[in-house]
Structure formats: C-alpha cells, structure tokens
Amino acid sequence: MFLVCPKRDNFLWNKEEVYMSQKAVELLIGRLITDDQFRQMASTSLSDACFKNGLELTSMEIDLLSRMEIKSFAELSCCIDPGLRRAGRSVGN
C-alpha cells in the first residue's frame, strides 16, 4: 500500500518503509536519551553513530535530526531514573 503525503511534495511513500523509518527515528531518540556513549558518538557524527548501530534512516531524517541540540538529550537523561539508562554506558563514570 502506498500513501500520498501532501506535505512532502506528493511523493509516494510505501507504508512499510514509512513505518520502519519511524521506528528507527524512535529508537534513535530513545538511545540519545538513555545511552551516554551513543549520545557522545552522535554529537560527533549522527550519521556515523546511526550506521554503526544499525539504525537505517533516510538522508532527510538524518538532516532533520542533525538540527536538534544533542545536549538537550543529555539534560533530559538527567531527569530519568538511572535504572532506565544503559548499564555501563555512562560517560565520565
């Protein structure tokens, strides 16, 4: 099944590809919040961090996500219980 998305210049998108890409975006955001080491790698090169961790994102998604402030994810990570963070992945500890 294909979808027409008027906000994307009427390109046709395969529903499964959109779902898989959205899942990768959600995984990336989760990793940025919970994994200090991954966040540090992403702050150097988001595309390399995604590639090395098997997160398949489109070039458009990489571009949009690269515009976000990575440090805001570090601030958010301080607000969650340490039990929800990746064990053994804390930078500086």
Protein backbone atom coordinates (compact mmCIF):
# COMPACT_ATOMS: atom_id res chain seq x y z
CA MET A 1 0.00 0.00 0.00
CA PHE A 2 1.27 3.48 -0.89
CA LEU A 3 0.43 6.76 0.79
CA VAL A 4 0.36 10.25 -0.66
CA CYS A 5 1.70 12.82 1.75
CA PRO A 6 0.87 16.34 0.56
CA LYS A 7 3.42 17.87 2.94
CA ARG A 8 6.19 16.03 1.09
CA ASP A 9 5.50 17.34 -2.42
CA ASN A 10 3.14 14.46 -3.27
CA PHE A 11 5.83 11.79 -3.30
CA LEU A 12 4.52 8.25 -2.98
CA TRP A 13 5.70 6.50 0.18
CA ASN A 14 5.47 2.80 0.86
CA LYS A 15 3.58 2.39 4.16
CA GLU A 16 6.04 -0.27 5.41
CA GLU A 17 9.03 1.95 4.65
CA VAL A 18 7.43 4.87 6.50
CA TYR A 19 6.74 2.61 9.49
CA MET A 20 10.27 1.20 9.55
CA SER A 21 11.78 4.63 9.22
CA GLN A 22 9.58 5.98 12.03
CA LYS A 23 10.66 3.07 14.21
CA ALA A 24 14.33 3.90 13.55
CA VAL A 25 13.70 7.56 14.47
CA GLU A 26 12.05 6.48 17.73
CA LEU A 27 14.91 4.11 18.52
CA LEU A 28 17.42 6.86 17.80
CA ILE A 29 15.67 9.32 20.12
CA GLY A 30 15.48 6.67 22.84
CA ARG A 31 19.18 5.94 22.51
CA LEU A 32 20.01 9.64 22.65
CA ILE A 33 18.16 9.86 25.95
CA THR A 34 19.33 6.65 27.61
CA ASP A 35 22.83 5.97 26.26
CA ASP A 36 25.58 8.48 27.10
CA GLN A 37 28.17 6.77 24.92
CA PHE A 38 25.86 6.72 21.89
CA ARG A 39 24.92 10.37 22.52
CA GLN A 40 28.59 11.35 22.57
CA MET A 41 29.19 9.45 19.31
CA ALA A 42 26.12 11.12 17.75
CA SER A 43 27.32 14.57 18.76
CA THR A 44 30.45 13.95 16.68
CA SER A 45 28.62 12.41 13.68
CA LEU A 46 24.96 11.45 13.83
CA SER A 47 25.11 9.57 10.53
CA ASP A 48 28.14 7.52 11.65
CA ALA A 49 26.50 6.73 15.01
CA CYS A 50 23.36 5.55 13.22
CA PHE A 51 25.31 3.46 10.72
CA LYS A 52 27.50 1.82 13.38
CA ASN A 53 24.40 0.95 15.42
CA GLY A 54 22.27 -0.37 12.56
CA LEU A 55 19.75 2.48 12.57
CA GLU A 56 18.55 2.91 9.00
CA LEU A 57 17.40 6.48 8.44
CA THR A 58 16.84 8.44 5.26
CA SER A 59 19.19 11.29 4.43
CA MET A 60 16.28 13.68 5.05
CA GLU A 61 15.76 12.25 8.55
CA ILE A 62 19.48 12.46 9.33
CA ASP A 63 19.46 16.08 8.19
CA LEU A 64 16.40 16.97 10.29
CA LEU A 65 17.68 15.13 13.36
CA SER A 66 21.12 16.73 12.99
CA ARG A 67 19.50 20.12 13.53
CA MET A 68 18.44 19.16 17.06
CA GLU A 69 20.58 20.11 20.03
CA ILE A 70 22.19 16.86 21.22
CA LYS A 71 22.91 18.46 24.61
CA SER A 72 19.16 18.72 25.22
CA PHE A 73 19.04 14.91 25.28
CA ALA A 74 21.80 14.89 27.91
CA GLU A 75 19.72 17.28 30.02
CA LEU A 76 16.66 15.06 29.60
CA SER A 77 18.66 11.95 30.51
CA CYS A 78 19.42 13.51 33.90
CA CYS A 79 15.67 13.62 34.59
CA ILE A 80 15.05 9.89 34.22
CA ASP A 81 15.75 7.18 36.76
CA PRO A 82 19.27 5.74 36.35
CA GLY A 83 17.70 2.28 36.17
CA LEU A 84 16.28 3.22 32.77
CA ARG A 85 19.67 4.15 31.35
CA ARG A 86 22.04 1.75 29.61
CA ALA A 87 24.13 -0.02 32.24
CA GLY A 88 27.86 0.56 31.96
CA ARG A 89 27.44 3.26 29.34
CA SER A 90 27.76 6.39 31.45
CA VAL A 91 30.39 8.76 30.12
CA GLY A 92 32.75 10.06 32.78
CA ASN A 93 31.87 7.41 35.40
